[in-house]
Amino acid sequence: MNILALDTCTEMCSVAILKNGELFEQSLLTQRGHSEKILGMLDALFVEAGCRLSDMDCIAFGRGPGSFTGVRVGVSVTQGIAYAASLPVVPVSTLAAVAQRAIDEHHAECIAVAMDARMQEVYSALYQSVDGLAVLVGEERVCLPEQIELSSEQSFFAAGTGWKEYETAMMAKFSKQVSTLDNELLPTAAAIAKLAEKQAEKGHTLPAEQAMPVYLRDNVAKKKGEQ
């Protein structure tokens, strides 16, 4: 299974190629310019991996949530490449990608992901490690930091930038349940490729035209006071 993966939903602009089990990746922290950087990064990665787009079986992409512009860029680039190469796509949650990094890098079992959503809110979800892969427990949501849904007795690994941006409010409520914390974790294309591999093997792919963004926030253009 050969998978091309990309993610531009956050300040982490990231690409990866999973080639017969071998992973190649490039990631760049940048506040803007994802659309200008992503294609050059992909070209360089294909050279590094010694393969071509025609060798890929599918394209995995971060479908959100995240920056409104970043999510749109990722979906648009994915659709353009998929159409050109007649490849199916696999959408992957950016929250799941953060949870996957917690599993891979910290051996986490139960992960409470909170990504900064601006407007004093977080994108949040709870994940469980099942056979080394992040599996969603419940649902993804956007909410106030202190309103993330967690069992009152369950301990968990806290992952994502929301735990840094809103540390005071979140730790005041959940500190007794936090077993370990990494508030620097962002989604990466490598984590997305790993999550997509199992889905692709099961045939859970989509045609390019069905690559859709997931924002979670109903009206991303409104300011908080207008919502």
C-alpha atoms as a PDB file:
ATOM      1  CA  MET A   1       0.000   0.000   0.000  1.00  0.00           C
ATOM      2  CA  ASN A   2       1.397   3.373  -1.098  1.00  0.00           C
ATOM      3  CA  ILE A   3      -0.231   6.477   0.366  1.00  0.00           C
ATOM      4  CA  LEU A   4       0.390  10.166  -0.222  1.00  0.00           C
ATOM      5  CA  ALA A   5      -0.744  12.259   2.760  1.00  0.00           C
ATOM      6  CA  LEU A   6      -0.936  15.978   3.351  1.00  0.00           C
ATOM      7  CA  ASP A   7      -2.245  18.376   5.969  1.00  0.00           C
ATOM      8  CA  THR A   8      -2.533  22.171   6.009  1.00  0.00           C
ATOM      9  CA  CYS A   9      -5.249  22.598   8.656  1.00  0.00           C
ATOM     10  CA  THR A  10      -3.025  24.183  11.297  1.00  0.00           C
ATOM     11  CA  GLU A  11       0.288  26.044  11.405  1.00  0.00           C
ATOM     12  CA  MET A  12       1.909  22.681  10.652  1.00  0.00           C
ATOM     13  CA  CYS A  13       2.196  22.345   6.869  1.00  0.00           C
ATOM     14  CA  SER A  14       2.959  18.673   6.405  1.00  0.00           C
ATOM     15  CA  VAL A  15       3.377  16.011   3.712  1.00  0.00           C
ATOM     16  CA  ALA A  16       4.168  12.311   3.912  1.00  0.00           C
ATOM     17  CA  ILE A  17       4.538   9.267   1.704  1.00  0.00           C
ATOM     18  CA  LEU A  18       3.940   5.781   3.045  1.00  0.00           C
ATOM     19  CA  LYS A  19       5.677   3.524   0.549  1.00  0.00           C
ATOM     20  CA  ASN A  20       5.419  -0.209   1.176  1.00  0.00           C
ATOM     21  CA  GLY A  21       5.568   0.364   4.919  1.00  0.00           C
ATOM     22  CA  GLU A  22       8.401   2.926   4.781  1.00  0.00           C
ATOM     23  CA  LEU A  23       7.537   6.467   5.820  1.00  0.00           C
ATOM     24  CA  PHE A  24       8.943   9.643   4.294  1.00  0.00           C
ATOM     25  CA  GLU A  25       7.813  12.998   5.662  1.00  0.00           C
ATOM     26  CA  GLN A  26       8.387  16.747   5.664  1.00  0.00           C
ATOM     27  CA  SER A  27       6.766  19.224   8.034  1.00  0.00           C
ATOM     28  CA  LEU A  28       7.103  22.967   8.311  1.00  0.00           C
ATOM     29  CA  LEU A  29       5.732  25.300  10.981  1.00  0.00           C
ATOM     30  CA  THR A  30       4.341  28.376   9.260  1.00  0.00           C
ATOM     31  CA  GLN A  31       1.528  30.807  10.021  1.00  0.00           C
ATOM     32  CA  ARG A  32       0.696  31.430   6.356  1.00  0.00           C
ATOM     33  CA  GLY A  33       1.533  30.482   2.793  1.00  0.00           C
ATOM     34  CA  HIS A  34       0.505  26.838   2.979  1.00  0.00           C
ATOM     35  CA  SER A  35      -0.852  26.893  -0.572  1.00  0.00           C
ATOM     36  CA  GLU A  36       2.463  28.159  -1.926  1.00  0.00           C
ATOM     37  CA  LYS A  37       4.613  25.730   0.070  1.00  0.00           C
ATOM     38  CA  ILE A  38       2.703  22.450  -0.091  1.00  0.00           C
ATOM     39  CA  LEU A  39       3.293  21.570  -3.765  1.00  0.00           C
ATOM     40  CA  GLY A  40       7.031  22.216  -3.555  1.00  0.00           C
ATOM     41  CA  MET A  41       7.210  20.063  -0.441  1.00  0.00           C
ATOM     42  CA  LEU A  42       5.385  17.270  -2.267  1.00  0.00           C
ATOM     43  CA  ASP A  43       7.758  17.446  -5.237  1.00  0.00           C
ATOM     44  CA  ALA A  44      10.785  17.248  -2.943  1.00  0.00           C
ATOM     45  CA  LEU A  45       9.303  14.332  -1.021  1.00  0.00           C
ATOM     46  CA  PHE A  46       8.663  12.298  -4.166  1.00  0.00           C
ATOM     47  CA  VAL A  47      12.321  12.740  -5.080  1.00  0.00           C
ATOM     48  CA  GLU A  48      13.392  11.688  -1.586  1.00  0.00           C
ATOM     49  CA  ALA A  49      11.124   8.633  -1.620  1.00  0.00           C
ATOM     50  CA  GLY A  50      12.167   7.655  -5.142  1.00  0.00           C
ATOM     51  CA  CYS A  51       8.633   7.308  -6.442  1.00  0.00           C
ATOM     52  CA  ARG A  52       5.988   9.119  -8.439  1.00  0.00           C
ATOM     53  CA  LEU A  53       2.370  10.105  -7.999  1.00  0.00           C
ATOM     54  CA  SER A  54       1.390   7.267 -10.329  1.00  0.00           C
ATOM     55  CA  ASP A  55       2.809   4.815  -7.765  1.00  0.00           C
ATOM     56  CA  MET A  56       0.291   5.900  -5.114  1.00  0.00           C
ATOM     57  CA  ASP A  57      -2.847   3.944  -4.253  1.00  0.00           C
ATOM     58  CA  CYS A  58      -4.683   6.847  -2.630  1.00  0.00           C
ATOM     59  CA  ILE A  59      -4.325  10.328  -1.150  1.00  0.00           C
ATOM     60  CA  ALA A  60      -5.020  10.915   2.542  1.00  0.00           C
ATOM     61  CA  PHE A  61      -5.684  14.430   3.801  1.00  0.00           C
ATOM     62  CA  GLY A  62      -6.450  16.316   6.981  1.00  0.00           C
ATOM     63  CA  ARG A  63     -10.122  17.181   6.567  1.00  0.00           C
ATOM     64  CA  GLY A  64     -10.298  19.436   9.618  1.00  0.00           C
ATOM     65  CA  PRO A  65     -11.109  20.866  11.993  1.00  0.00           C
ATOM     66  CA  GLY A  66      -8.604  23.671  11.960  1.00  0.00           C
ATOM     67  CA  SER A  67      -7.980  27.022  10.342  1.00  0.00           C
ATOM     68  CA  PHE A  68     -10.789  27.837   7.894  1.00  0.00           C
ATOM     69  CA  THR A  69      -8.306  28.795   5.179  1.00  0.00           C
ATOM     70  CA  GLY A  70      -5.961  25.923   5.973  1.00  0.00           C
ATOM     71  CA  VAL A  71      -8.720  23.320   5.787  1.00  0.00           C
ATOM     72  CA  ARG A  72      -9.866  24.677   2.410  1.00  0.00           C
ATOM     73  CA  VAL A  73      -6.320  24.638   1.053  1.00  0.00           C
ATOM     74  CA  GLY A  74      -5.822  20.999   2.039  1.00  0.00           C
ATOM     75  CA  VAL A  75      -9.095  19.873   0.495  1.00  0.00           C
ATOM     76  CA  SER A  76      -8.500  21.851  -2.708  1.00  0.00           C
ATOM     77  CA  VAL A  77      -4.956  20.542  -3.183  1.00  0.00           C
ATOM     78  CA  THR A  78      -6.100  16.990  -2.486  1.00  0.00           C
ATOM     79  CA  GLN A  79      -8.932  17.216  -4.992  1.00  0.00           C
ATOM     80  CA  GLY A  80      -6.679  18.699  -7.671  1.00  0.00           C
ATOM     81  CA  ILE A  81      -4.039  15.993  -7.299  1.00  0.00           C
ATOM     82  CA  ALA A  82      -6.610  13.206  -6.995  1.00  0.00           C
ATOM     83  CA  TYR A  83      -8.464  14.311 -10.123  1.00  0.00           C
ATOM     84  CA  ALA A  84      -5.240  14.608 -12.102  1.00  0.00           C
ATOM     85  CA  ALA A  85      -4.032  11.147 -11.062  1.00  0.00           C
ATOM     86  CA  SER A  86      -7.450   9.431 -10.903  1.00  0.00           C
ATOM     87  CA  LEU A  87      -6.814   8.447  -7.283  1.00  0.00           C
ATOM     88  CA  PRO A  88      -9.311   7.912  -4.452  1.00  0.00           C
ATOM     89  CA  VAL A  89      -8.999   9.902  -1.243  1.00  0.00           C
ATOM     90  CA  VAL A  90      -9.178   9.156   2.475  1.00  0.00           C
ATOM     91  CA  PRO A  91     -10.283  12.001   4.789  1.00  0.00           C
ATOM     92  CA  VAL A  92      -8.745  11.904   8.266  1.00  0.00           C
ATOM     93  CA  SER A  93      -9.628  14.037  11.279  1.00  0.00           C
ATOM     94  CA  THR A  94      -6.903  16.377  12.454  1.00  0.00           C
ATOM     95  CA  LEU A  95      -7.966  15.616  16.027  1.00  0.00           C
ATOM     96  CA  ALA A  96      -7.394  11.922  15.367  1.00  0.00           C
ATOM     97  CA  ALA A  97      -3.970  12.761  13.947  1.00  0.00           C
ATOM     98  CA  VAL A  98      -3.034  14.544  17.189  1.00  0.00           C
ATOM     99  CA  ALA A  99      -4.237  11.536  19.175  1.00  0.00           C
ATOM    100  CA  GLN A 100      -2.214   9.239  16.923  1.00  0.00           C
ATOM    101  CA  ARG A 101       0.926  11.224  17.642  1.00  0.00           C
ATOM    102  CA  ALA A 102       0.244  10.873  21.378  1.00  0.00           C
ATOM    103  CA  ILE A 103       0.012   7.111  20.889  1.00  0.00           C
ATOM    104  CA  ASP A 104       3.126   6.862  18.711  1.00  0.00           C
ATOM    105  CA  GLU A 105       5.326   9.256  20.673  1.00  0.00           C
ATOM    106  CA  HIS A 106       4.083   8.803  24.230  1.00  0.00           C
ATOM    107  CA  HIS A 107       2.423   5.360  24.231  1.00  0.00           C
ATOM    108  CA  ALA A 108      -0.821   6.989  25.347  1.00  0.00           C
ATOM    109  CA  GLU A 109      -3.918   4.840  25.820  1.00  0.00           C
ATOM    110  CA  CYS A 110      -6.739   7.307  26.480  1.00  0.00           C
ATOM    111  CA  ILE A 111      -6.248  10.697  24.855  1.00  0.00           C
ATOM    112  CA  ALA A 112      -8.206  13.919  25.365  1.00  0.00           C
ATOM    113  CA  VAL A 113      -7.402  16.125  22.390  1.00  0.00           C
ATOM    114  CA  ALA A 114      -8.032  19.860  22.549  1.00  0.00           C
ATOM    115  CA  MET A 115      -6.901  22.086  19.683  1.00  0.00           C
ATOM    116  CA  ASP A 116      -7.125  25.859  19.890  1.00  0.00           C
ATOM    117  CA  ALA A 117     -10.157  26.952  17.840  1.00  0.00           C
ATOM    118  CA  ARG A 118      -9.731  30.697  18.517  1.00  0.00           C
ATOM    119  CA  MET A 119     -12.708  32.726  19.820  1.00  0.00           C
ATOM    120  CA  GLN A 120     -11.934  31.322  23.297  1.00  0.00           C
ATOM    121  CA  GLU A 121     -12.990  27.816  22.177  1.00  0.00           C
ATOM    122  CA  VAL A 122     -11.355  24.465  21.470  1.00  0.00           C
ATOM    123  CA  TYR A 123     -11.926  21.635  19.041  1.00  0.00           C
ATOM    124  CA  SER A 124     -12.089  18.573  21.244  1.00  0.00           C
ATOM    125  CA  ALA A 125     -12.544  14.806  21.162  1.00  0.00           C
ATOM    126  CA  LEU A 126     -11.658  11.754  23.212  1.00  0.00           C
ATOM    127  CA  TYR A 127      -9.727   8.857  21.676  1.00  0.00           C
ATOM    128  CA  GLN A 128      -8.727   5.372  22.736  1.00  0.00           C
ATOM    129  CA  SER A 129      -5.730   3.448  21.438  1.00  0.00           C
ATOM    130  CA  VAL A 130      -6.953   0.236  19.787  1.00  0.00           C
ATOM    131  CA  ASP A 131      -4.215  -1.929  18.280  1.00  0.00           C
ATOM    132  CA  GLY A 132      -2.021   1.152  18.186  1.00  0.00           C
ATOM    133  CA  LEU A 133      -4.486   3.339  16.295  1.00  0.00           C
ATOM    134  CA  ALA A 134      -6.557   6.271  17.556  1.00  0.00           C
ATOM    135  CA  VAL A 135     -10.279   5.417  17.694  1.00  0.00           C
ATOM    136  CA  LEU A 136     -12.855   8.113  18.417  1.00  0.00           C
ATOM    137  CA  VAL A 137     -14.913   7.773  21.608  1.00  0.00           C
ATOM    138  CA  GLY A 138     -18.095   9.839  21.382  1.00  0.00           C
ATOM    139  CA  GLU A 139     -17.973  12.776  18.975  1.00  0.00           C
ATOM    140  CA  GLU A 140     -15.854  15.712  17.885  1.00  0.00           C
ATOM    141  CA  ARG A 141     -17.102  19.106  19.016  1.00  0.00           C
ATOM    142  CA  VAL A 142     -16.235  22.769  19.358  1.00  0.00           C
ATOM    143  CA  CYS A 143     -16.826  24.195  22.822  1.00  0.00           C
ATOM    144  CA  LEU A 144     -15.517  26.318  25.641  1.00  0.00           C
ATOM    145  CA  PRO A 145     -12.295  24.853  27.110  1.00  0.00           C
ATOM    146  CA  GLU A 146     -13.907  23.866  30.392  1.00  0.00           C
ATOM    147  CA  GLN A 147     -16.800  22.163  28.605  1.00  0.00           C
ATOM    148  CA  ILE A 148     -14.944  19.321  26.896  1.00  0.00           C
ATOM    149  CA  GLU A 149     -16.757  16.055  27.558  1.00  0.00           C
ATOM    150  CA  LEU A 150     -14.816  13.656  29.751  1.00  0.00           C
ATOM    151  CA  SER A 151     -15.715  11.079  32.342  1.00  0.00           C
ATOM    152  CA  SER A 152     -15.365  12.581  35.816  1.00  0.00           C
ATOM    153  CA  GLU A 153     -13.223   9.658  36.989  1.00  0.00           C
ATOM    154  CA  GLN A 154     -11.202   8.736  33.918  1.00  0.00           C
ATOM    155  CA  SER A 155      -7.525   9.641  33.681  1.00  0.00           C
ATOM    156  CA  PHE A 156      -6.187  10.593  30.277  1.00  0.00           C
ATOM    157  CA  PHE A 157      -3.282  11.921  28.241  1.00  0.00           C
ATOM    158  CA  ALA A 158      -3.896  15.598  27.417  1.00  0.00           C
ATOM    159  CA  ALA A 159      -2.820  16.420  23.856  1.00  0.00           C
ATOM    160  CA  GLY A 160      -2.977  19.484  21.655  1.00  0.00           C
ATOM    161  CA  THR A 161      -2.566  23.247  21.654  1.00  0.00           C
ATOM    162  CA  GLY A 162      -5.836  23.896  23.479  1.00  0.00           C
ATOM    163  CA  TRP A 163      -4.231  22.586  26.654  1.00  0.00           C
ATOM    164  CA  LYS A 164      -1.602  25.317  26.301  1.00  0.00           C
ATOM    165  CA  GLU A 165      -3.725  28.229  25.127  1.00  0.00           C
ATOM    166  CA  TYR A 166      -6.397  27.710  27.795  1.00  0.00           C
ATOM    167  CA  GLU A 167      -4.250  26.038  30.427  1.00  0.00           C
ATOM    168  CA  THR A 168      -5.682  27.940  33.404  1.00  0.00           C
ATOM    169  CA  ALA A 169      -9.333  27.121  32.713  1.00  0.00           C
ATOM    170  CA  MET A 170      -8.740  23.535  31.636  1.00  0.00           C
ATOM    171  CA  MET A 171      -6.303  22.489  34.332  1.00  0.00           C
ATOM    172  CA  ALA A 172      -8.478  24.071  37.008  1.00  0.00           C
ATOM    173  CA  LYS A 173     -11.177  21.574  36.084  1.00  0.00           C
ATOM    174  CA  PHE A 174      -9.272  18.544  34.813  1.00  0.00           C
ATOM    175  CA  SER A 175      -5.857  18.575  36.519  1.00  0.00           C
ATOM    176  CA  LYS A 176      -6.649  15.554  38.705  1.00  0.00           C
ATOM    177  CA  GLN A 177      -7.458  13.490  35.606  1.00  0.00           C
ATOM    178  CA  VAL A 178      -4.457  14.486  33.488  1.00  0.00           C
ATOM    179  CA  SER A 179      -1.886  11.706  33.695  1.00  0.00           C
ATOM    180  CA  THR A 180       0.522  13.183  31.142  1.00  0.00           C
ATOM    181  CA  LEU A 181       0.440  16.215  28.873  1.00  0.00           C
ATOM    182  CA  ASP A 182       1.914  17.364  25.569  1.00  0.00           C
ATOM    183  CA  ASN A 183       0.391  20.704  24.640  1.00  0.00           C
ATOM    184  CA  GLU A 184       2.642  21.199  21.610  1.00  0.00           C
ATOM    185  CA  LEU A 185       1.234  18.344  19.521  1.00  0.00           C
ATOM    186  CA  LEU A 186      -0.144  19.310  16.117  1.00  0.00           C
ATOM    187  CA  PRO A 187      -1.508  17.036  13.389  1.00  0.00           C
ATOM    188  CA  THR A 188       1.029  15.748  10.862  1.00  0.00           C
ATOM    189  CA  ALA A 189       0.725  14.047   7.507  1.00  0.00           C
ATOM    190  CA  ALA A 190       2.676  11.079   8.887  1.00  0.00           C
ATOM    191  CA  ALA A 191      -0.006  10.440  11.515  1.00  0.00           C
ATOM    192  CA  ILE A 192      -2.688  10.926   8.872  1.00  0.00           C
ATOM    193  CA  ALA A 193      -1.015   8.379   6.586  1.00  0.00           C
ATOM    194  CA  LYS A 194      -0.897   5.821   9.391  1.00  0.00           C
ATOM    195  CA  LEU A 195      -4.588   6.263  10.173  1.00  0.00           C
ATOM    196  CA  ALA A 196      -5.528   6.213   6.487  1.00  0.00           C
ATOM    197  CA  GLU A 197      -3.663   2.983   5.765  1.00  0.00           C
ATOM    198  CA  LYS A 198      -6.121   0.806   7.674  1.00  0.00           C
ATOM    199  CA  GLN A 199      -9.082   2.563   6.082  1.00  0.00           C
ATOM    200  CA  ALA A 200      -7.656   2.150   2.583  1.00  0.00           C
ATOM    201  CA  GLU A 201      -6.934  -1.529   3.182  1.00  0.00           C
ATOM    202  CA  LYS A 202     -10.615  -1.968   4.072  1.00  0.00           C
ATOM    203  CA  GLY A 203     -11.635  -0.177   0.884  1.00  0.00           C
ATOM    204  CA  HIS A 204     -12.927   2.861   2.770  1.00  0.00           C
ATOM    205  CA  THR A 205     -11.905   5.423   0.180  1.00  0.00           C
ATOM    206  CA  LEU A 206     -13.847   8.158  -1.613  1.00  0.00           C
ATOM    207  CA  PRO A 207     -13.771   9.653  -5.111  1.00  0.00           C
ATOM    208  CA  ALA A 208     -12.053  13.039  -5.321  1.00  0.00           C
ATOM    209  CA  GLU A 209     -15.298  14.994  -5.615  1.00  0.00           C
ATOM    210  CA  GLN A 210     -16.368  13.711  -2.191  1.00  0.00           C
ATOM    211  CA  ALA A 211     -13.344  15.180  -0.413  1.00  0.00           C
ATOM    212  CA  MET A 212     -15.127  17.524   1.971  1.00  0.00           C
ATOM    213  CA  PRO A 213     -13.915  19.822   4.758  1.00  0.00           C
ATOM    214  CA  VAL A 214     -15.070  19.473   8.361  1.00  0.00           C
ATOM    215  CA  TYR A 215     -15.086  22.765  10.238  1.00  0.00           C
ATOM    216  CA  LEU A 216     -17.212  21.817  13.317  1.00  0.00           C
ATOM    217  CA  ARG A 217     -18.027  25.502  13.810  1.00  0.00           C
ATOM    218  CA  ASP A 218     -21.269  26.150  11.896  1.00  0.00           C
ATOM    219  CA  ASN A 219     -20.461  29.684  10.858  1.00  0.00           C
ATOM    220  CA  VAL A 220     -16.714  30.161  10.713  1.00  0.00           C
ATOM    221  CA  ALA A 221     -16.987  33.682   9.317  1.00  0.00           C
ATOM    222  CA  LYS A 222     -18.809  35.132  12.302  1.00  0.00           C
ATOM    223  CA  LYS A 223     -17.048  36.691  15.213  1.00  0.00           C
ATOM    224  CA  LYS A 224     -17.892  35.344  18.637  1.00  0.00           C
ATOM    225  CA  GLY A 225     -20.106  38.278  19.501  1.00  0.00           C
ATOM    226  CA  GLU A 226     -22.202  37.693  16.390  1.00  0.00           C
ATOM    227  CA  GLN A 227     -22.829  33.996  17.004  1.00  0.00           C
END
